[in-house]
Amino acid sequence: MTTTHIDGVSVTTQASVYFDGKCVSHGLTFPDGTKKSVGVVLPATLTFNTGAAEIMECVAGGCEYKLAGSAVWLKSAPGDKFSIPANSSFDIRVTEAYHYICHFG
């Protein structure tokens, strides 16, 4: 099921802008201290590095992604999630805007 609304959070109003504006996100902090970000990746092929483990949840649009060490591109559509380990990376190919929630683990 696709997440469509998040209640009871604090939102960082200044956006994080990456890759010359190809990725823009806002940080969310939950009352228990849990952090997530919500954003959009515009059409591009990019490589993201992770510090903490992440789960990417597609809420609209779609992408193809490839985890570090893999040669296989996989698809992510609304409602889909994929996990990236800590201290790793993933490549993402976007042909239509990819709207996401990043759950930090």
PDB file of N, CA and C in Angstrom:
ATOM      1  N   MET A   1       0.844  -1.183   0.000  1.00  0.00           N
ATOM      2  CA  MET A   1       0.000   0.000   0.000  1.00  0.00           C
ATOM      3  C   MET A   1       0.891   1.250   0.000  1.00  0.00           C
ATOM      4  N   THR A   2       0.569   2.193  -0.833  1.00  0.00           N
ATOM      5  CA  THR A   2       1.350   3.418  -0.957  1.00  0.00           C
ATOM      6  C   THR A   2       0.998   4.395   0.155  1.00  0.00           C
ATOM      7  N   THR A   3       2.013   4.965   0.793  1.00  0.00           N
ATOM      8  CA  THR A   3       1.803   5.993   1.798  1.00  0.00           C
ATOM      9  C   THR A   3       1.379   7.278   1.096  1.00  0.00           C
ATOM     10  N   THR A   4       0.262   7.862   1.509  1.00  0.00           N
ATOM     11  CA  THR A   4      -0.224   9.081   0.868  1.00  0.00           C
ATOM     12  C   THR A   4      -0.228  10.274   1.802  1.00  0.00           C
ATOM     13  N   HIS A   5      -0.079  10.053   3.122  1.00  0.00           N
ATOM     14  CA  HIS A   5      -0.163  11.146   4.087  1.00  0.00           C
ATOM     15  C   HIS A   5       0.616  10.753   5.331  1.00  0.00           C
ATOM     16  N   ILE A   6       1.335  11.707   5.922  1.00  0.00           N
ATOM     17  CA  ILE A   6       2.081  11.456   7.152  1.00  0.00           C
ATOM     18  C   ILE A   6       1.672  12.522   8.160  1.00  0.00           C
ATOM     19  N   ASP A   7       1.141  12.099   9.291  1.00  0.00           N
ATOM     20  CA  ASP A   7       0.691  13.023  10.333  1.00  0.00           C
ATOM     21  C   ASP A   7       1.690  13.109  11.473  1.00  0.00           C
ATOM     22  N   GLY A   8       1.617  14.190  12.240  1.00  0.00           N
ATOM     23  CA  GLY A   8       2.323  14.314  13.499  1.00  0.00           C
ATOM     24  C   GLY A   8       3.832  14.378  13.402  1.00  0.00           C
ATOM     25  N   VAL A   9       4.362  15.062  12.388  1.00  0.00           N
ATOM     26  CA  VAL A   9       5.811  15.142  12.206  1.00  0.00           C
ATOM     27  C   VAL A   9       6.267  16.596  12.195  1.00  0.00           C
ATOM     28  N   SER A  10       7.542  16.775  12.439  1.00  0.00           N
ATOM     29  CA  SER A  10       8.197  18.061  12.268  1.00  0.00           C
ATOM     30  C   SER A  10       8.873  18.033  10.905  1.00  0.00           C
ATOM     31  N   VAL A  11       8.730  19.099  10.123  1.00  0.00           N
ATOM     32  CA  VAL A  11       9.271  19.151   8.771  1.00  0.00           C
ATOM     33  C   VAL A  11      10.373  20.210   8.695  1.00  0.00           C
ATOM     34  N   THR A  12      11.495  19.836   8.111  1.00  0.00           N
ATOM     35  CA  THR A  12      12.554  20.792   7.828  1.00  0.00           C
ATOM     36  C   THR A  12      12.126  21.578   6.596  1.00  0.00           C
ATOM     37  N   THR A  13      11.956  22.895   6.758  1.00  0.00           N
ATOM     38  CA  THR A  13      11.388  23.683   5.654  1.00  0.00           C
ATOM     39  C   THR A  13      12.387  23.971   4.543  1.00  0.00           C
ATOM     40  N   GLN A  14      13.682  23.980   4.847  1.00  0.00           N
ATOM     41  CA  GLN A  14      14.664  24.189   3.780  1.00  0.00           C
ATOM     42  C   GLN A  14      14.936  22.851   3.109  1.00  0.00           C
ATOM     43  N   ALA A  15      14.792  22.835   1.812  1.00  0.00           N
ATOM     44  CA  ALA A  15      14.986  21.596   1.057  1.00  0.00           C
ATOM     45  C   ALA A  15      16.463  21.228   0.974  1.00  0.00           C
ATOM     46  N   SER A  16      16.713  19.926   0.902  1.00  0.00           N
ATOM     47  CA  SER A  16      18.034  19.414   0.538  1.00  0.00           C
ATOM     48  C   SER A  16      18.007  19.224  -0.971  1.00  0.00           C
ATOM     49  N   VAL A  17      18.938  19.861  -1.674  1.00  0.00           N
ATOM     50  CA  VAL A  17      18.967  19.815  -3.135  1.00  0.00           C
ATOM     51  C   VAL A  17      20.272  19.142  -3.554  1.00  0.00           C
ATOM     52  N   TYR A  18      20.156  18.077  -4.334  1.00  0.00           N
ATOM     53  CA  TYR A  18      21.306  17.297  -4.778  1.00  0.00           C
ATOM     54  C   TYR A  18      21.353  17.251  -6.295  1.00  0.00           C
ATOM     55  N   PHE A  19      22.539  16.970  -6.827  1.00  0.00           N
ATOM     56  CA  PHE A  19      22.719  16.740  -8.267  1.00  0.00           C
ATOM     57  C   PHE A  19      22.123  17.874  -9.104  1.00  0.00           C
ATOM     58  N   ASP A  20      22.507  19.120  -8.748  1.00  0.00           N
ATOM     59  CA  ASP A  20      22.059  20.294  -9.506  1.00  0.00           C
ATOM     60  C   ASP A  20      20.543  20.356  -9.655  1.00  0.00           C
ATOM     61  N   GLY A  21      19.832  19.982  -8.602  1.00  0.00           N
ATOM     62  CA  GLY A  21      18.375  20.085  -8.604  1.00  0.00           C
ATOM     63  C   GLY A  21      17.655  18.862  -9.120  1.00  0.00           C
ATOM     64  N   LYS A  22      18.380  17.807  -9.479  1.00  0.00           N
ATOM     65  CA  LYS A  22      17.728  16.577  -9.971  1.00  0.00           C
ATOM     66  C   LYS A  22      17.061  15.797  -8.838  1.00  0.00           C
ATOM     67  N   CYS A  23      17.458  16.067  -7.581  1.00  0.00           N
ATOM     68  CA  CYS A  23      16.835  15.430  -6.418  1.00  0.00           C
ATOM     69  C   CYS A  23      16.621  16.503  -5.358  1.00  0.00           C
ATOM     70  N   VAL A  24      15.387  16.626  -4.892  1.00  0.00           N
ATOM     71  CA  VAL A  24      15.036  17.601  -3.866  1.00  0.00           C
ATOM     72  C   VAL A  24      14.218  16.876  -2.805  1.00  0.00           C
ATOM     73  N   SER A  25      14.599  17.084  -1.523  1.00  0.00           N
ATOM     74  CA  SER A  25      13.867  16.404  -0.452  1.00  0.00           C
ATOM     75  C   SER A  25      13.744  17.297   0.772  1.00  0.00           C
ATOM     76  N   HIS A  26      12.819  16.914   1.644  1.00  0.00           N
ATOM     77  CA  HIS A  26      12.616  17.578   2.931  1.00  0.00           C
ATOM     78  C   HIS A  26      12.695  16.516   4.027  1.00  0.00           C
ATOM     79  N   GLY A  27      13.335  16.864   5.123  1.00  0.00           N
ATOM     80  CA  GLY A  27      13.467  15.955   6.251  1.00  0.00           C
ATOM     81  C   GLY A  27      12.245  15.990   7.145  1.00  0.00           C
ATOM     82  N   LEU A  28      11.883  14.821   7.656  1.00  0.00           N
ATOM     83  CA  LEU A  28      10.785  14.674   8.616  1.00  0.00           C
ATOM     84  C   LEU A  28      11.347  14.069   9.897  1.00  0.00           C
ATOM     85  N   THR A  29      10.890  14.564  11.029  1.00  0.00           N
ATOM     86  CA  THR A  29      11.252  13.968  12.310  1.00  0.00           C
ATOM     87  C   THR A  29       9.969  13.622  13.053  1.00  0.00           C
ATOM     88  N   PHE A  30       9.853  12.367  13.468  1.00  0.00           N
ATOM     89  CA  PHE A  30       8.690  11.891  14.201  1.00  0.00           C
ATOM     90  C   PHE A  30       8.873  12.152  15.692  1.00  0.00           C
ATOM     91  N   PRO A  31       7.780  12.172  16.466  1.00  0.00           N
ATOM     92  CA  PRO A  31       7.888  12.437  17.903  1.00  0.00           C
ATOM     93  C   PRO A  31       8.877  11.516  18.624  1.00  0.00           C
ATOM     94  N   ASP A  32       9.064  10.281  18.139  1.00  0.00           N
ATOM     95  CA  ASP A  32       9.990   9.341  18.788  1.00  0.00           C
ATOM     96  C   ASP A  32      11.436   9.528  18.315  1.00  0.00           C
ATOM     97  N   GLY A  33      11.676  10.534  17.450  1.00  0.00           N
ATOM     98  CA  GLY A  33      13.023  10.806  16.958  1.00  0.00           C
ATOM     99  C   GLY A  33      13.357  10.140  15.638  1.00  0.00           C
ATOM    100  N   THR A  34      12.487   9.259  15.147  1.00  0.00           N
ATOM    101  CA  THR A  34      12.694   8.612  13.853  1.00  0.00           C
ATOM    102  C   THR A  34      12.756   9.668  12.754  1.00  0.00           C
ATOM    103  N   LYS A  35      13.684   9.485  11.820  1.00  0.00           N
ATOM    104  CA  LYS A  35      13.834  10.435  10.718  1.00  0.00           C
ATOM    105  C   LYS A  35      13.550   9.756   9.379  1.00  0.00           C
ATOM    106  N   LYS A  36      12.916  10.507   8.496  1.00  0.00           N
ATOM    107  CA  LYS A  36      12.646  10.078   7.131  1.00  0.00           C
ATOM    108  C   LYS A  36      12.820  11.311   6.251  1.00  0.00           C
ATOM    109  N   SER A  37      12.854  11.108   4.958  1.00  0.00           N
ATOM    110  CA  SER A  37      12.797  12.247   4.053  1.00  0.00           C
ATOM    111  C   SER A  37      11.781  11.937   2.967  1.00  0.00           C
ATOM    112  N   VAL A  38      11.182  12.987   2.436  1.00  0.00           N
ATOM    113  CA  VAL A  38      10.263  12.855   1.307  1.00  0.00           C
ATOM    114  C   VAL A  38      10.782  13.760   0.207  1.00  0.00           C
ATOM    115  N   GLY A  39      10.715  13.272  -1.018  1.00  0.00           N
ATOM    116  CA  GLY A  39      11.240  14.086  -2.096  1.00  0.00           C
ATOM    117  C   GLY A  39      10.902  13.550  -3.458  1.00  0.00           C
ATOM    118  N   VAL A  40      11.597  14.117  -4.434  1.00  0.00           N
ATOM    119  CA  VAL A  40      11.397  13.749  -5.824  1.00  0.00           C
ATOM    120  C   VAL A  40      12.751  13.727  -6.525  1.00  0.00           C
ATOM    121  N   VAL A  41      12.906  12.732  -7.408  1.00  0.00           N
ATOM    122  CA  VAL A  41      14.061  12.674  -8.301  1.00  0.00           C
ATOM    123  C   VAL A  41      13.520  12.912  -9.707  1.00  0.00           C
ATOM    124  N   LEU A  42      14.079  13.915 -10.379  1.00  0.00           N
ATOM    125  CA  LEU A  42      13.670  14.233 -11.751  1.00  0.00           C
ATOM    126  C   LEU A  42      14.440  13.358 -12.734  1.00  0.00           C
ATOM    127  N   PRO A  43      13.993  13.295 -13.992  1.00  0.00           N
ATOM    128  CA  PRO A  43      14.653  12.404 -14.950  1.00  0.00           C
ATOM    129  C   PRO A  43      16.171  12.587 -14.993  1.00  0.00           C
ATOM    130  N   ALA A  44      16.871  11.476 -14.742  1.00  0.00           N
ATOM    131  CA  ALA A  44      18.338  11.458 -14.695  1.00  0.00           C
ATOM    132  C   ALA A  44      18.785  10.042 -14.370  1.00  0.00           C
ATOM    133  N   THR A  45      20.071   9.798 -14.471  1.00  0.00           N
ATOM    134  CA  THR A  45      20.709   8.588 -13.949  1.00  0.00           C
ATOM    135  C   THR A  45      21.728   9.068 -12.925  1.00  0.00           C
ATOM    136  N   LEU A  46      21.550   8.644 -11.669  1.00  0.00           N
ATOM    137  CA  LEU A  46      22.337   9.160 -10.549  1.00  0.00           C
ATOM    138  C   LEU A  46      22.850   8.024  -9.680  1.00  0.00           C
ATOM    139  N   THR A  47      23.884   8.302  -8.885  1.00  0.00           N
ATOM    140  CA  THR A  47      24.388   7.359  -7.891  1.00  0.00           C
ATOM    141  C   THR A  47      24.283   7.997  -6.517  1.00  0.00           C
ATOM    142  N   PHE A  48      23.597   7.317  -5.609  1.00  0.00           N
ATOM    143  CA  PHE A  48      23.445   7.772  -4.229  1.00  0.00           C
ATOM    144  C   PHE A  48      24.284   6.893  -3.320  1.00  0.00           C
ATOM    145  N   ASN A  49      24.945   7.504  -2.349  1.00  0.00           N
ATOM    146  CA  ASN A  49      25.695   6.782  -1.321  1.00  0.00           C
ATOM    147  C   ASN A  49      24.895   6.808  -0.030  1.00  0.00           C
ATOM    148  N   THR A  50      24.984   5.723   0.734  1.00  0.00           N
ATOM    149  CA  THR A  50      24.262   5.651   2.006  1.00  0.00           C
ATOM    150  C   THR A  50      25.245   5.653   3.172  1.00  0.00           C
ATOM    151  N   GLY A  51      24.839   6.294   4.258  1.00  0.00           N
ATOM    152  CA  GLY A  51      25.540   6.182   5.530  1.00  0.00           C
ATOM    153  C   GLY A  51      24.807   5.140   6.340  1.00  0.00           C
ATOM    154  N   ALA A  52      23.562   5.470   6.701  1.00  0.00           N
ATOM    155  CA  ALA A  52      22.677   4.529   7.397  1.00  0.00           C
ATOM    156  C   ALA A  52      21.960   3.680   6.345  1.00  0.00           C
ATOM    157  N   ALA A  53      21.437   2.537   6.793  1.00  0.00           N
ATOM    158  CA  ALA A  53      20.603   1.717   5.908  1.00  0.00           C
ATOM    159  C   ALA A  53      19.359   2.531   5.536  1.00  0.00           C
ATOM    160  N   GLU A  54      18.861   2.308   4.335  1.00  0.00           N
ATOM    161  CA  GLU A  54      17.695   3.039   3.854  1.00  0.00           C
ATOM    162  C   GLU A  54      16.702   2.088   3.204  1.00  0.00           C
ATOM    163  N   ILE A  55      15.431   2.475   3.289  1.00  0.00           N
ATOM    164  CA  ILE A  55      14.379   1.822   2.510  1.00  0.00           C
ATOM    165  C   ILE A  55      13.739   2.920   1.682  1.00  0.00           C
ATOM    166  N   MET A  56      13.759   2.752   0.373  1.00  0.00           N
ATOM    167  CA  MET A  56      13.146   3.711  -0.537  1.00  0.00           C
ATOM    168  C   MET A  56      11.744   3.214  -0.889  1.00  0.00           C
ATOM    169  N   GLU A  57      10.752   4.061  -0.653  1.00  0.00           N
ATOM    170  CA  GLU A  57       9.357   3.740  -0.951  1.00  0.00           C
ATOM    171  C   GLU A  57       8.879   4.657  -2.066  1.00  0.00           C
ATOM    172  N   CYS A  58       8.418   4.084  -3.154  1.00  0.00           N
ATOM    173  CA  CYS A  58       7.888   4.862  -4.279  1.00  0.00           C
ATOM    174  C   CYS A  58       6.439   5.236  -3.983  1.00  0.00           C
ATOM    175  N   VAL A  59       6.130   6.541  -4.028  1.00  0.00           N
ATOM    176  CA  VAL A  59       4.758   6.979  -3.794  1.00  0.00           C
ATOM    177  C   VAL A  59       4.088   7.468  -5.083  1.00  0.00           C
ATOM    178  N   ALA A  60       4.881   7.790  -6.110  1.00  0.00           N
ATOM    179  CA  ALA A  60       4.325   8.167  -7.418  1.00  0.00           C
ATOM    180  C   ALA A  60       5.460   8.094  -8.437  1.00  0.00           C
ATOM    181  N   GLY A  61       5.077   7.954  -9.696  1.00  0.00           N
ATOM    182  CA  GLY A  61       6.090   7.844 -10.745  1.00  0.00           C
ATOM    183  C   GLY A  61       6.749   6.484 -10.711  1.00  0.00           C
ATOM    184  N   GLY A  62       8.035   6.444 -10.946  1.00  0.00           N
ATOM    185  CA  GLY A  62       8.743   5.176 -10.925  1.00  0.00           C
ATOM    186  C   GLY A  62      10.202   5.367 -11.264  1.00  0.00           C
ATOM    187  N   CYS A  63      10.964   4.286 -11.111  1.00  0.00           N
ATOM    188  CA  CYS A  63      12.392   4.325 -11.413  1.00  0.00           C
ATOM    189  C   CYS A  63      12.877   2.903 -11.666  1.00  0.00           C
ATOM    190  N   GLU A  64      14.107   2.828 -12.106  1.00  0.00           N
ATOM    191  CA  GLU A  64      14.856   1.581 -12.112  1.00  0.00           C
ATOM    192  C   GLU A  64      16.041   1.812 -11.199  1.00  0.00           C
ATOM    193  N   TYR A  65      16.445   0.792 -10.461  1.00  0.00           N
ATOM    194  CA  TYR A  65      17.566   0.932  -9.539  1.00  0.00           C
ATOM    195  C   TYR A  65      18.462  -0.287  -9.610  1.00  0.00           C
ATOM    196  N   LYS A  66      19.710  -0.082  -9.226  1.00  0.00           N
ATOM    197  CA  LYS A  66      20.702  -1.156  -9.225  1.00  0.00           C
ATOM    198  C   LYS A  66      21.540  -0.967  -7.962  1.00  0.00           C
ATOM    199  N   LEU A  67      21.559  -1.980  -7.114  1.00  0.00           N
ATOM    200  CA  LEU A  67      22.324  -1.919  -5.875  1.00  0.00           C
ATOM    201  C   LEU A  67      23.807  -2.120  -6.162  1.00  0.00           C
ATOM    202  N   ALA A  68      24.658  -1.575  -5.297  1.00  0.00           N
ATOM    203  CA  ALA A  68      26.114  -1.730  -5.438  1.00  0.00           C
ATOM    204  C   ALA A  68      26.455  -3.209  -5.562  1.00  0.00           C
ATOM    205  N   GLY A  69      27.329  -3.530  -6.499  1.00  0.00           N
ATOM    206  CA  GLY A  69      27.767  -4.906  -6.694  1.00  0.00           C
ATOM    207  C   GLY A  69      26.864  -5.729  -7.582  1.00  0.00           C
ATOM    208  N   SER A  70      25.737  -5.163  -8.021  1.00  0.00           N
ATOM    209  CA  SER A  70      24.805  -5.882  -8.889  1.00  0.00           C
ATOM    210  C   SER A  70      24.883  -5.310 -10.297  1.00  0.00           C
ATOM    211  N   ALA A  71      24.618  -6.143 -11.279  1.00  0.00           N
ATOM    212  CA  ALA A  71      24.550  -5.686 -12.666  1.00  0.00           C
ATOM    213  C   ALA A  71      23.105  -5.607 -13.137  1.00  0.00           C
ATOM    214  N   VAL A  72      22.165  -5.928 -12.247  1.00  0.00           N
ATOM    215  CA  VAL A  72      20.758  -6.053 -12.616  1.00  0.00           C
ATOM    216  C   VAL A  72      19.976  -4.793 -12.230  1.00  0.00           C
ATOM    217  N   TRP A  73      19.297  -4.205 -13.216  1.00  0.00           N
ATOM    218  CA  TRP A  73      18.395  -3.083 -12.959  1.00  0.00           C
ATOM    219  C   TRP A  73      17.022  -3.642 -12.613  1.00  0.00           C
ATOM    220  N   LEU A  74      16.432  -3.148 -11.518  1.00  0.00           N
ATOM    221  CA  LEU A  74      15.105  -3.563 -11.079  1.00  0.00           C
ATOM    222  C   LEU A  74      14.165  -2.368 -11.127  1.00  0.00           C
ATOM    223  N   LYS A  75      12.872  -2.628 -11.291  1.00  0.00           N
ATOM    224  CA  LYS A  75      11.889  -1.541 -11.371  1.00  0.00           C
ATOM    225  C   LYS A  75      11.228  -1.305 -10.025  1.00  0.00           C
ATOM    226  N   SER A  76      10.890  -0.043  -9.777  1.00  0.00           N
ATOM    227  CA  SER A  76      10.144   0.349  -8.591  1.00  0.00           C
ATOM    228  C   SER A  76       8.992   1.245  -9.047  1.00  0.00           C
ATOM    229  N   ALA A  77       7.778   0.873  -8.668  1.00  0.00           N
ATOM    230  CA  ALA A  77       6.563   1.596  -9.038  1.00  0.00           C
ATOM    231  C   ALA A  77       5.828   1.981  -7.757  1.00  0.00           C
ATOM    232  N   PRO A  78       4.778   2.792  -7.850  1.00  0.00           N
ATOM    233  CA  PRO A  78       4.051   3.189  -6.641  1.00  0.00           C
ATOM    234  C   PRO A  78       3.672   1.984  -5.775  1.00  0.00           C
ATOM    235  N   GLY A  79       3.990   2.101  -4.486  1.00  0.00           N
ATOM    236  CA  GLY A  79       3.736   1.029  -3.530  1.00  0.00           C
ATOM    237  C   GLY A  79       4.924   0.110  -3.325  1.00  0.00           C
ATOM    238  N   ASP A  80       5.906   0.152  -4.237  1.00  0.00           N
ATOM    239  CA  ASP A  80       7.096  -0.697  -4.113  1.00  0.00           C
ATOM    240  C   ASP A  80       8.117  -0.067  -3.172  1.00  0.00           C
ATOM    241  N   LYS A  81       8.908  -0.928  -2.532  1.00  0.00           N
ATOM    242  CA  LYS A  81      10.002  -0.495  -1.666  1.00  0.00           C
ATOM    243  C   LYS A  81      11.246  -1.303  -2.014  1.00  0.00           C
ATOM    244  N   PHE A  82      12.417  -0.682  -1.831  1.00  0.00           N
ATOM    245  CA  PHE A  82      13.656  -1.443  -1.932  1.00  0.00           C
ATOM    246  C   PHE A  82      14.610  -0.971  -0.849  1.00  0.00           C
ATOM    247  N   SER A  83      15.469  -1.885  -0.402  1.00  0.00           N
ATOM    248  CA  SER A  83      16.377  -1.631   0.721  1.00  0.00           C
ATOM    249  C   SER A  83      17.813  -1.501   0.242  1.00  0.00           C
ATOM    250  N   ILE A  84      18.523  -0.564   0.873  1.00  0.00           N
ATOM    251  CA  ILE A  84      19.938  -0.356   0.595  1.00  0.00           C
ATOM    252  C   ILE A  84      20.676  -0.480   1.922  1.00  0.00           C
ATOM    253  N   PRO A  85      21.739  -1.298   1.986  1.00  0.00           N
ATOM    254  CA  PRO A  85      22.471  -1.432   3.242  1.00  0.00           C
ATOM    255  C   PRO A  85      23.226  -0.149   3.605  1.00  0.00           C
ATOM    256  N   ALA A  86      23.615  -0.051   4.869  1.00  0.00           N
ATOM    257  CA  ALA A  86      24.429   1.066   5.331  1.00  0.00           C
ATOM    258  C   ALA A  86      25.779   1.049   4.622  1.00  0.00           C
ATOM    259  N   ASN A  87      26.369   2.215   4.468  1.00  0.00           N
ATOM    260  CA  ASN A  87      27.699   2.363   3.869  1.00  0.00           C
ATOM    261  C   ASN A  87      27.800   1.662   2.516  1.00  0.00           C
ATOM    262  N   SER A  88      26.813   1.915   1.678  1.00  0.00           N
ATOM    263  CA  SER A  88      26.761   1.307   0.357  1.00  0.00           C
ATOM    264  C   SER A  88      26.349   2.374  -0.649  1.00  0.00           C
ATOM    265  N   SER A  89      25.837   1.941  -1.787  1.00  0.00           N
ATOM    266  CA  SER A  89      25.354   2.885  -2.793  1.00  0.00           C
ATOM    267  C   SER A  89      24.344   2.190  -3.694  1.00  0.00           C
ATOM    268  N   PHE A  90      23.643   3.012  -4.467  1.00  0.00           N
ATOM    269  CA  PHE A  90      22.765   2.471  -5.498  1.00  0.00           C
ATOM    270  C   PHE A  90      22.687   3.469  -6.636  1.00  0.00           C
ATOM    271  N   ASP A  91      22.486   2.935  -7.833  1.00  0.00           N
ATOM    272  CA  ASP A  91      22.261   3.745  -9.018  1.00  0.00           C
ATOM    273  C   ASP A  91      20.759   3.804  -9.249  1.00  0.00           C
ATOM    274  N   ILE A  92      20.285   4.938  -9.737  1.00  0.00           N
ATOM    275  CA  ILE A  92      18.866   5.084 -10.022  1.00  0.00           C
ATOM    276  C   ILE A  92      18.711   5.737 -11.391  1.00  0.00           C
ATOM    277  N   ARG A  93      17.797   5.169 -12.194  1.00  0.00           N
ATOM    278  CA  ARG A  93      17.452   5.727 -13.513  1.00  0.00           C
ATOM    279  C   ARG A  93      16.000   6.157 -13.448  1.00  0.00           C
ATOM    280  N   VAL A  94      15.759   7.420 -13.754  1.00  0.00           N
ATOM    281  CA  VAL A  94      14.412   7.976 -13.681  1.00  0.00           C
ATOM    282  C   VAL A  94      14.066   8.564 -15.036  1.00  0.00           C
ATOM    283  N   THR A  95      12.919   8.170 -15.587  1.00  0.00           N
ATOM    284  CA  THR A  95      12.460   8.736 -16.852  1.00  0.00           C
ATOM    285  C   THR A  95      11.221   9.608 -16.659  1.00  0.00           C
ATOM    286  N   GLU A  96      10.523   9.420 -15.537  1.00  0.00           N
ATOM    287  CA  GLU A  96       9.426  10.293 -15.141  1.00  0.00           C
ATOM    288  C   GLU A  96       9.678  10.600 -13.672  1.00  0.00           C
ATOM    289  N   ALA A  97       9.199  11.708 -13.163  1.00  0.00           N
ATOM    290  CA  ALA A  97       9.492  12.081 -11.779  1.00  0.00           C
ATOM    291  C   ALA A  97       9.186  10.919 -10.827  1.00  0.00           C
ATOM    292  N   TYR A  98      10.171  10.613  -9.969  1.00  0.00           N
ATOM    293  CA  TYR A  98      10.072   9.534  -8.978  1.00  0.00           C
ATOM    294  C   TYR A  98       9.873  10.196  -7.612  1.00  0.00           C
ATOM    295  N   HIS A  99       8.673  10.057  -7.058  1.00  0.00           N
ATOM    296  CA  HIS A  99       8.338  10.627  -5.741  1.00  0.00           C
ATOM    297  C   HIS A  99       8.555   9.534  -4.704  1.00  0.00           C
ATOM    298  N   TYR A 100       9.246   9.876  -3.619  1.00  0.00           N
ATOM    299  CA  TYR A 100       9.647   8.829  -2.679  1.00  0.00           C
ATOM    300  C   TYR A 100       9.564   9.276  -1.226  1.00  0.00           C
ATOM    301  N   ILE A 101       9.565   8.271  -0.368  1.00  0.00           N
ATOM    302  CA  ILE A 101       9.832   8.427   1.065  1.00  0.00           C
ATOM    303  C   ILE A 101      11.070   7.594   1.340  1.00  0.00           C
ATOM    304  N   CYS A 102      12.058   8.191   1.963  1.00  0.00           N
ATOM    305  CA  CYS A 102      13.256   7.450   2.365  1.00  0.00           C
ATOM    306  C   CYS A 102      13.156   7.197   3.859  1.00  0.00           C
ATOM    307  N   HIS A 103      13.093   5.910   4.217  1.00  0.00           N
ATOM    308  CA  HIS A 103      13.029   5.484   5.611  1.00  0.00           C
ATOM    309  C   HIS A 103      14.453   5.133   6.039  1.00  0.00           C
ATOM    310  N   PHE A 104      14.973   5.844   7.019  1.00  0.00           N
ATOM    311  CA  PHE A 104      16.340   5.590   7.486  1.00  0.00           C
ATOM    312  C   PHE A 104      16.310   4.518   8.546  1.00  0.00           C
ATOM    313  N   GLY A 105      17.241   3.547   8.434  1.00  0.00           N
ATOM    314  CA  GLY A 105      17.250   2.428   9.352  1.00  0.00           C
ATOM    315  C   GLY A 105      18.386   2.509  10.299  1.00  0.00           C
TER     316      GLY A 105
END
